PDB file of N, CA and C in Angstrom:
ATOM      1  N   UNK A   1      14.672   0.484  -7.815  1.00  0.00           N
ATOM      2  CA  UNK A   1      12.962   0.164  -8.508  1.00  0.00           C
ATOM      3  C   UNK A   1      13.426  -0.327  -9.593  1.00  0.00           C
ATOM      4  N   UNK A   2      14.203   0.092 -10.554  1.00  0.00           N
ATOM      5  CA  UNK A   2      14.176  -0.051 -11.795  1.00  0.00           C
ATOM      6  C   UNK A   2      14.958  -1.461 -12.091  1.00  0.00           C
ATOM      7  N   UNK A   3      15.917  -1.807 -11.106  1.00  0.00           N
ATOM      8  CA  UNK A   3      16.520  -3.142 -11.016  1.00  0.00           C
ATOM      9  C   UNK A   3      15.490  -4.066 -10.542  1.00  0.00           C
ATOM     10  N   UNK A   4      14.617  -3.964  -9.644  1.00  0.00           N
ATOM     11  CA  UNK A   4      13.590  -4.955  -9.579  1.00  0.00           C
ATOM     12  C   UNK A   4      12.775  -5.193 -11.010  1.00  0.00           C
ATOM     13  N   UNK A   5      12.243  -4.241 -11.418  1.00  0.00           N
ATOM     14  CA  UNK A   5      11.411  -4.513 -12.904  1.00  0.00           C
ATOM     15  C   UNK A   5      12.583  -4.870 -13.921  1.00  0.00           C
ATOM     16  N   UNK A   6      13.735  -4.919 -13.616  1.00  0.00           N
ATOM     17  CA  UNK A   6      14.637  -5.549 -14.948  1.00  0.00           C
ATOM     18  C   UNK A   6      14.545  -7.236 -14.433  1.00  0.00           C
ATOM     19  N   UNK A   7      14.825  -7.278 -13.298  1.00  0.00           N
ATOM     20  CA  UNK A   7      14.718  -8.996 -13.040  1.00  0.00           C
ATOM     21  C   UNK A   7      13.678  -9.698 -13.183  1.00  0.00           C
ATOM     22  N   UNK A   8      12.375  -8.648 -12.933  1.00  0.00           N
ATOM     23  CA  UNK A   8      10.915  -9.221 -13.473  1.00  0.00           C
ATOM     24  C   UNK A   8      11.075  -9.379 -15.082  1.00  0.00           C
ATOM     25  N   UNK A   9      11.523  -8.829 -15.693  1.00  0.00           N
ATOM     26  CA  UNK A   9      11.513  -8.519 -17.069  1.00  0.00           C
ATOM     27  C   UNK A   9      12.477  -9.908 -17.485  1.00  0.00           C
ATOM     28  N   UNK A  10      13.653  -9.963 -16.791  1.00  0.00           N
ATOM     29  CA  UNK A  10      14.429 -11.387 -17.652  1.00  0.00           C
ATOM     30  C   UNK A  10      14.093 -12.662 -17.120  1.00  0.00           C
ATOM     31  N   UNK A  11      13.178 -12.258 -15.714  1.00  0.00           N
ATOM     32  CA  UNK A  11      12.144 -13.754 -15.799  1.00  0.00           C
ATOM     33  C   UNK A  11      11.629 -13.909 -16.652  1.00  0.00           C
ATOM     34  N   UNK A  12      10.829 -13.440 -17.309  1.00  0.00           N
ATOM     35  CA  UNK A  12       9.648 -13.525 -17.891  1.00  0.00           C
ATOM     36  C   UNK A  12      10.209 -13.755 -19.460  1.00  0.00           C
ATOM     37  N   UNK A  13      11.328 -13.260 -19.733  1.00  0.00           N
ATOM     38  CA  UNK A  13      11.834 -13.516 -21.176  1.00  0.00           C
ATOM     39  C   UNK A  13      12.165 -15.026 -21.020  1.00  0.00           C
ATOM     40  N   UNK A  14      12.887 -15.506 -20.041  1.00  0.00           N
ATOM     41  CA  UNK A  14      13.149 -17.027 -19.691  1.00  0.00           C
ATOM     42  C   UNK A  14      12.194 -18.015 -19.210  1.00  0.00           C
ATOM     43  N   UNK A  15      11.301 -17.495 -18.375  1.00  0.00           N
ATOM     44  CA  UNK A  15      10.266 -18.337 -18.168  1.00  0.00           C
ATOM     45  C   UNK A  15       8.516 -17.702 -18.753  1.00  0.00           C
ATOM     46  N   UNK A  16       8.454 -18.128 -19.987  1.00  0.00           N
ATOM     47  CA  UNK A  16       7.307 -17.265 -20.334  1.00  0.00           C
ATOM     48  C   UNK A  16       6.203 -18.138 -20.110  1.00  0.00           C
ATOM     49  N   UNK A  17       6.041 -19.010 -19.294  1.00  0.00           N
ATOM     50  CA  UNK A  17       4.685 -19.804 -18.486  1.00  0.00           C
ATOM     51  C   UNK A  17       4.607 -18.700 -17.531  1.00  0.00           C
ATOM     52  N   UNK A  18       5.136 -17.607 -16.630  1.00  0.00           N
ATOM     53  CA  UNK A  18       4.926 -16.717 -15.633  1.00  0.00           C
ATOM     54  C   UNK A  18       3.972 -15.621 -16.361  1.00  0.00           C
ATOM     55  N   UNK A  19       3.698 -15.136 -17.050  1.00  0.00           N
ATOM     56  CA  UNK A  19       3.128 -14.396 -18.255  1.00  0.00           C
ATOM     57  C   UNK A  19       1.684 -14.545 -17.658  1.00  0.00           C
ATOM     58  N   UNK A  20       1.148 -15.734 -17.566  1.00  0.00           N
ATOM     59  CA  UNK A  20      -0.282 -15.768 -17.223  1.00  0.00           C
ATOM     60  C   UNK A  20      -0.576 -15.288 -16.004  1.00  0.00           C
ATOM     61  N   UNK A  21       0.538 -15.771 -15.130  1.00  0.00           N
ATOM     62  CA  UNK A  21       0.312 -15.835 -13.565  1.00  0.00           C
ATOM     63  C   UNK A  21       0.770 -14.133 -13.391  1.00  0.00           C
ATOM     64  N   UNK A  22       1.794 -13.471 -13.840  1.00  0.00           N
ATOM     65  CA  UNK A  22       1.239 -12.002 -13.536  1.00  0.00           C
ATOM     66  C   UNK A  22      -0.014 -11.435 -14.337  1.00  0.00           C
ATOM     67  N   UNK A  23      -0.537 -11.710 -15.174  1.00  0.00           N
ATOM     68  CA  UNK A  23      -1.613 -11.048 -15.989  1.00  0.00           C
ATOM     69  C   UNK A  23      -2.802 -11.510 -14.857  1.00  0.00           C
ATOM     70  N   UNK A  24      -3.004 -12.859 -14.319  1.00  0.00           N
ATOM     71  CA  UNK A  24      -4.340 -13.029 -13.345  1.00  0.00           C
ATOM     72  C   UNK A  24      -3.886 -12.073 -11.908  1.00  0.00           C
ATOM     73  N   UNK A  25      -2.723 -12.199 -11.637  1.00  0.00           N
ATOM     74  CA  UNK A  25      -2.482 -11.457 -10.144  1.00  0.00           C
ATOM     75  C   UNK A  25      -2.837 -10.220 -10.241  1.00  0.00           C
ATOM     76  N   UNK A  26      -2.068  -9.497 -11.334  1.00  0.00           N
ATOM     77  CA  UNK A  26      -2.442  -7.775 -11.885  1.00  0.00           C
ATOM     78  C   UNK A  26      -3.905  -7.571 -12.152  1.00  0.00           C
ATOM     79  N   UNK A  27      -4.553  -8.748 -12.524  1.00  0.00           N
ATOM     80  CA  UNK A  27      -6.153  -8.458 -12.650  1.00  0.00           C
ATOM     81  C   UNK A  27      -7.255  -8.244 -11.548  1.00  0.00           C
ATOM     82  N   UNK A  28      -6.688  -9.341 -10.699  1.00  0.00           N
ATOM     83  CA  UNK A  28      -7.184  -9.447  -9.313  1.00  0.00           C
ATOM     84  C   UNK A  28      -6.985  -8.535  -8.583  1.00  0.00           C
ATOM     85  N   UNK A  29      -5.622  -7.809  -8.323  1.00  0.00           N
ATOM     86  CA  UNK A  29      -5.462  -6.640  -7.744  1.00  0.00           C
ATOM     87  C   UNK A  29      -6.021  -5.488  -7.950  1.00  0.00           C
ATOM     88  N   UNK A  30      -6.225  -5.472  -9.473  1.00  0.00           N
ATOM     89  CA  UNK A  30      -7.170  -3.835  -9.818  1.00  0.00           C
ATOM     90  C   UNK A  30      -8.453  -4.481  -9.852  1.00  0.00           C
ATOM     91  N   UNK A  31      -8.550  -5.378  -9.648  1.00  0.00           N
ATOM     92  CA  UNK A  31     -10.548  -5.277  -9.203  1.00  0.00           C
ATOM     93  C   UNK A  31     -10.710  -4.899  -7.858  1.00  0.00           C
ATOM     94  N   UNK A  32      -9.775  -5.696  -7.146  1.00  0.00           N
ATOM     95  CA  UNK A  32     -10.238  -5.412  -5.827  1.00  0.00           C
ATOM     96  C   UNK A  32      -9.725  -3.988  -5.322  1.00  0.00           C
ATOM     97  N   UNK A  33      -8.742  -3.535  -6.065  1.00  0.00           N
ATOM     98  CA  UNK A  33      -8.895  -1.833  -5.360  1.00  0.00           C
ATOM     99  C   UNK A  33     -10.155  -1.091  -6.167  1.00  0.00           C
ATOM    100  N   UNK A  34     -10.489  -1.906  -7.214  1.00  0.00           N
ATOM    101  CA  UNK A  34     -11.729  -0.866  -7.976  1.00  0.00           C
ATOM    102  C   UNK A  34     -12.971  -1.037  -6.558  1.00  0.00           C
ATOM    103  N   UNK A  35     -12.954  -2.320  -6.069  1.00  0.00           N
ATOM    104  CA  UNK A  35     -14.228  -2.665  -5.378  1.00  0.00           C
ATOM    105  C   UNK A  35     -13.733  -1.884  -4.184  1.00  0.00           C
ATOM    106  N   UNK A  36     -13.083  -1.891  -3.484  1.00  0.00           N
ATOM    107  CA  UNK A  36     -12.663  -1.310  -2.580  1.00  0.00           C
ATOM    108  C   UNK A  36     -12.891   0.325  -2.770  1.00  0.00           C
ATOM    109  N   UNK A  37     -12.532   0.991  -3.509  1.00  0.00           N
ATOM    110  CA  UNK A  37     -12.672   2.085  -3.691  1.00  0.00           C
ATOM    111  C   UNK A  37     -14.494   2.453  -4.330  1.00  0.00           C
ATOM    112  N   UNK A  38     -14.936   1.403  -4.774  1.00  0.00           N
ATOM    113  CA  UNK A  38     -16.413   1.596  -4.597  1.00  0.00           C
ATOM    114  C   UNK A  38     -17.308   1.655  -3.346  1.00  0.00           C
ATOM    115  N   UNK A  39     -16.695   1.068  -2.909  1.00  0.00           N
ATOM    116  CA  UNK A  39     -17.344   0.469  -1.491  1.00  0.00           C
ATOM    117  C   UNK A  39     -17.009   1.849  -0.766  1.00  0.00           C
ATOM    118  N   UNK A  40     -16.073   2.389  -0.247  1.00  0.00           N
ATOM    119  CA  UNK A  40     -15.506   3.796   0.199  1.00  0.00           C
ATOM    120  C   UNK A  40     -16.195   4.944  -0.667  1.00  0.00           C
ATOM    121  N   UNK A  41     -16.760   5.259  -1.913  1.00  0.00           N
ATOM    122  CA  UNK A  41     -17.525   5.957  -2.663  1.00  0.00           C
ATOM    123  C   UNK A  41     -19.107   5.716  -2.507  1.00  0.00           C
ATOM    124  N   UNK A  42     -19.372   4.595  -2.533  1.00  0.00           N
ATOM    125  CA  UNK A  42     -20.729   4.704  -2.811  1.00  0.00           C
ATOM    126  C   UNK A  42     -21.643   3.857  -1.138  1.00  0.00           C
ATOM    127  N   UNK A  43     -20.983   3.341  -0.462  1.00  0.00           N
ATOM    128  CA  UNK A  43     -21.618   2.508   0.783  1.00  0.00           C
ATOM    129  C   UNK A  43     -22.134   3.726   1.562  1.00  0.00           C
ATOM    130  N   UNK A  44     -23.376   3.790   1.974  1.00  0.00           N
ATOM    131  CA  UNK A  44     -24.164   4.938   2.822  1.00  0.00           C
ATOM    132  C   UNK A  44     -23.612   4.765   4.638  1.00  0.00           C
ATOM    133  N   UNK A  45     -22.784   3.741   4.468  1.00  0.00           N
ATOM    134  CA  UNK A  45     -21.863   3.335   5.981  1.00  0.00           C
ATOM    135  C   UNK A  45     -20.885   4.344   6.227  1.00  0.00           C
ATOM    136  N   UNK A  46     -20.267   4.550   5.137  1.00  0.00           N
ATOM    137  CA  UNK A  46     -19.201   5.565   5.138  1.00  0.00           C
ATOM    138  C   UNK A  46     -19.603   6.980   4.913  1.00  0.00           C
ATOM    139  N   UNK A  47     -18.978   8.042   5.909  1.00  0.00           N
ATOM    140  CA  UNK A  47     -19.074   9.328   5.734  1.00  0.00           C
ATOM    141  C   UNK A  47     -17.892  10.061   5.498  1.00  0.00           C
ATOM    142  N   UNK A  48     -17.462  10.370   4.968  1.00  0.00           N
ATOM    143  CA  UNK A  48     -16.616  11.456   4.248  1.00  0.00           C
ATOM    144  C   UNK A  48     -16.669  13.133   4.674  1.00  0.00           C
ATOM    145  N   UNK A  49     -18.055  13.512   4.685  1.00  0.00           N
ATOM    146  CA  UNK A  49     -18.291  14.749   5.261  1.00  0.00           C
ATOM    147  C   UNK A  49     -18.885  14.789   6.458  1.00  0.00           C
ATOM    148  N   UNK A  50     -18.291  14.908   7.692  1.00  0.00           N
ATOM    149  CA  UNK A  50     -19.279  14.679   8.898  1.00  0.00           C
ATOM    150  C   UNK A  50     -19.777  16.268   9.269  1.00  0.00           C
ATOM    151  N   UNK A  51     -19.393  16.978   8.690  1.00  0.00           N
ATOM    152  CA  UNK A  51     -20.479  18.518   9.389  1.00  0.00           C
ATOM    153  C   UNK A  51     -21.361  18.743   8.528  1.00  0.00           C
ATOM    154  N   UNK A  52     -21.319  18.468   6.971  1.00  0.00           N
ATOM    155  CA  UNK A  52     -22.557  18.723   5.944  1.00  0.00           C
ATOM    156  C   UNK A  52     -23.808  17.003   6.136  1.00  0.00           C
ATOM    157  N   UNK A  53     -22.968  16.023   6.143  1.00  0.00           N
ATOM    158  CA  UNK A  53     -23.884  15.105   6.296  1.00  0.00           C
ATOM    159  C   UNK A  53     -23.262  13.660   7.003  1.00  0.00           C
ATOM    160  N   UNK A  54     -23.660  14.135   8.724  1.00  0.00           N
ATOM    161  CA  UNK A  54     -23.247  13.343   9.610  1.00  0.00           C
ATOM    162  C   UNK A  54     -23.739  11.794   9.307  1.00  0.00           C
ATOM    163  N   UNK A  55     -25.102  12.015   9.076  1.00  0.00           N
ATOM    164  CA  UNK A  55     -25.632  10.421   8.961  1.00  0.00           C
ATOM    165  C   UNK A  55     -25.969  10.050   7.810  1.00  0.00           C
ATOM    166  N   UNK A  56     -25.456   9.867   6.779  1.00  0.00           N
ATOM    167  CA  UNK A  56     -25.737   9.299   5.038  1.00  0.00           C
ATOM    168  C   UNK A  56     -26.848   8.417   4.985  1.00  0.00           C
ATOM    169  N   UNK A  57     -26.784   7.768   5.917  1.00  0.00           N
ATOM    170  CA  UNK A  57     -27.895   6.251   5.742  1.00  0.00           C
ATOM    171  C   UNK A  57     -29.299   6.782   5.872  1.00  0.00           C
ATOM    172  N   UNK A  58     -29.285   8.021   6.553  1.00  0.00           N
ATOM    173  CA  UNK A  58     -30.536   8.513   6.688  1.00  0.00           C
ATOM    174  C   UNK A  58     -31.019   9.215   5.663  1.00  0.00           C
ATOM    175  N   UNK A  59     -30.587   9.826   4.683  1.00  0.00           N
ATOM    176  CA  UNK A  59     -31.041  10.456   3.652  1.00  0.00           C
ATOM    177  C   UNK A  59     -30.513   9.561   2.374  1.00  0.00           C
ATOM    178  N   UNK A  60     -30.966   8.257   2.580  1.00  0.00           N
ATOM    179  CA  UNK A  60     -31.047   7.251   1.332  1.00  0.00           C
ATOM    180  C   UNK A  60     -32.473   7.238   0.956  1.00  0.00           C
ATOM    181  N   UNK A  61     -32.970   7.094  -0.073  1.00  0.00           N
ATOM    182  CA  UNK A  61     -34.345   6.886  -0.865  1.00  0.00           C
ATOM    183  C   UNK A  61     -34.443   5.256  -0.697  1.00  0.00           C
ATOM    184  N   UNK A  62     -35.960   5.369  -0.482  1.00  0.00           N
ATOM    185  CA  UNK A  62     -36.022   3.618  -0.421  1.00  0.00           C
ATOM    186  C   UNK A  62     -35.858   2.896  -1.800  1.00  0.00           C
ATOM    187  N   UNK A  63     -36.226   3.747  -2.609  1.00  0.00           N
ATOM    188  CA  UNK A  63     -35.707   2.965  -4.029  1.00  0.00           C
ATOM    189  C   UNK A  63     -34.407   2.939  -4.965  1.00  0.00           C
ATOM    190  N   UNK A  64     -33.565   3.553  -3.793  1.00  0.00           N
ATOM    191  CA  UNK A  64     -32.133   3.837  -4.391  1.00  0.00           C
ATOM    192  C   UNK A  64     -31.142   2.559  -4.271  1.00  0.00           C
ATOM    193  N   UNK A  65     -30.688   1.706  -4.789  1.00  0.00           N
ATOM    194  CA  UNK A  65     -29.673   0.655  -4.824  1.00  0.00           C
ATOM    195  C   UNK A  65     -28.677   1.442  -4.257  1.00  0.00           C
ATOM    196  N   UNK A  66     -28.002   0.652  -3.464  1.00  0.00           N
ATOM    197  CA  UNK A  66     -26.275   0.810  -3.019  1.00  0.00           C
ATOM    198  C   UNK A  66     -25.721  -0.542  -3.132  1.00  0.00           C
ATOM    199  N   UNK A  67     -26.296  -1.748  -3.173  1.00  0.00           N
ATOM    200  CA  UNK A  67     -25.380  -2.496  -3.240  1.00  0.00           C
ATOM    201  C   UNK A  67     -25.197  -2.872  -4.630  1.00  0.00           C
ATOM    202  N   UNK A  68     -24.105  -3.719  -4.704  1.00  0.00           N
ATOM    203  CA  UNK A  68     -23.351  -4.077  -5.949  1.00  0.00           C
ATOM    204  C   UNK A  68     -24.214  -4.838  -6.704  1.00  0.00           C
ATOM    205  N   UNK A  69     -24.796  -5.867  -5.934  1.00  0.00           N
ATOM    206  CA  UNK A  69     -25.588  -7.150  -6.871  1.00  0.00           C
ATOM    207  C   UNK A  69     -26.454  -7.058  -5.659  1.00  0.00           C
ATOM    208  N   UNK A  70     -28.002  -7.512  -6.200  1.00  0.00           N
ATOM    209  CA  UNK A  70     -29.428  -7.626  -5.690  1.00  0.00           C
ATOM    210  C   UNK A  70     -29.765  -8.935  -6.383  1.00  0.00           C
ATOM    211  N   UNK A  71     -30.192  -9.818  -5.696  1.00  0.00           N
ATOM    212  CA  UNK A  71     -30.799 -11.170  -6.220  1.00  0.00           C
ATOM    213  C   UNK A  71     -32.384 -10.977  -6.057  1.00  0.00           C
ATOM    214  N   UNK A  72     -33.257 -10.881  -7.324  1.00  0.00           N
ATOM    215  CA  UNK A  72     -34.457 -10.684  -7.655  1.00  0.00           C
ATOM    216  C   UNK A  72     -35.108  -9.679  -6.485  1.00  0.00           C
ATOM    217  N   UNK A  73     -34.593  -8.388  -6.460  1.00  0.00           N
ATOM    218  CA  UNK A  73     -34.872  -7.414  -5.526  1.00  0.00           C
ATOM    219  C   UNK A  73     -35.024  -6.095  -6.729  1.00  0.00           C
ATOM    220  N   UNK A  74     -36.589  -5.470  -6.985  1.00  0.00           N
ATOM    221  CA  UNK A  74     -36.796  -4.341  -7.680  1.00  0.00           C
ATOM    222  C   UNK A  74     -37.009  -3.172  -6.465  1.00  0.00           C
ATOM    223  N   UNK A  75     -35.948  -2.644  -6.927  1.00  0.00           N
ATOM    224  CA  UNK A  75     -35.842  -1.466  -5.934  1.00  0.00           C
ATOM    225  C   UNK A  75     -36.672  -0.165  -6.114  1.00  0.00           C
ATOM    226  N   UNK A  76     -37.275  -0.417  -7.195  1.00  0.00           N
ATOM    227  CA  UNK A  76     -38.436   1.008  -7.814  1.00  0.00           C
ATOM    228  C   UNK A  76     -39.625   0.920  -7.228  1.00  0.00           C
ATOM    229  N   UNK A  77     -39.831  -0.369  -6.474  1.00  0.00           N
ATOM    230  CA  UNK A  77     -41.139  -0.869  -6.253  1.00  0.00           C
ATOM    231  C   UNK A  77     -41.288  -0.594  -4.784  1.00  0.00           C
ATOM    232  N   UNK A  78     -39.797  -0.518  -4.033  1.00  0.00           N
ATOM    233  CA  UNK A  78     -40.228  -0.507  -2.756  1.00  0.00           C
ATOM    234  C   UNK A  78     -40.369   0.701  -1.854  1.00  0.00           C
ATOM    235  N   UNK A  79     -41.279   0.761  -1.009  1.00  0.00           N
ATOM    236  CA  UNK A  79     -42.215   1.896  -0.349  1.00  0.00           C
ATOM    237  C   UNK A  79     -41.605   2.540   0.801  1.00  0.00           C
ATOM    238  N   UNK A  80     -41.232   3.854   1.029  1.00  0.00           N
ATOM    239  CA  UNK A  80     -40.688   4.286   2.445  1.00  0.00           C
ATOM    240  C   UNK A  80     -41.446   3.523   3.343  1.00  0.00           C
ATOM    241  N   UNK A  81     -41.069   2.998   4.406  1.00  0.00           N
ATOM    242  CA  UNK A  81     -41.151   2.643   5.690  1.00  0.00           C
ATOM    243  C   UNK A  81     -40.730   3.082   7.049  1.00  0.00           C
ATOM    244  N   UNK A  82     -40.087   4.219   7.110  1.00  0.00           N
ATOM    245  CA  UNK A  82     -39.215   4.836   7.991  1.00  0.00           C
ATOM    246  C   UNK A  82     -39.539   6.079   8.086  1.00  0.00           C
ATOM    247  N   UNK A  83     -39.201   6.575   9.186  1.00  0.00           N
ATOM    248  CA  UNK A  83     -39.737   8.583   9.433  1.00  0.00           C
ATOM    249  C   UNK A  83     -38.553   9.047   8.911  1.00  0.00           C
ATOM    250  N   UNK A  84     -38.871  10.545   8.943  1.00  0.00           N
ATOM    251  CA  UNK A  84     -37.738  11.201   8.388  1.00  0.00           C
ATOM    252  C   UNK A  84     -37.429  11.712   9.562  1.00  0.00           C
ATOM    253  N   UNK A  85     -36.046  11.941   9.723  1.00  0.00           N
ATOM    254  CA  UNK A  85     -35.080  12.565  10.830  1.00  0.00           C
ATOM    255  C   UNK A  85     -34.419  14.035  10.138  1.00  0.00           C
TER     256      UNK A  85
END
């Protein structure tokens, strides 16, 4: 593995125009991994604990925002429109 990093370091020294490419690809990979981890931890469709909470979507409050970006939606004004289970 260290030989691969040595080759990359040598290429970056001889071709400095590759530095922005590595920065943007690394940033994109980091942001995609952060988004996937947010989906795995915050989404009510994902159930990590099936014994204590088999249906996590039923325990969501109507004013709880779980989406990353909501356009023109104020979750604090929503009312409960579903039965308790």
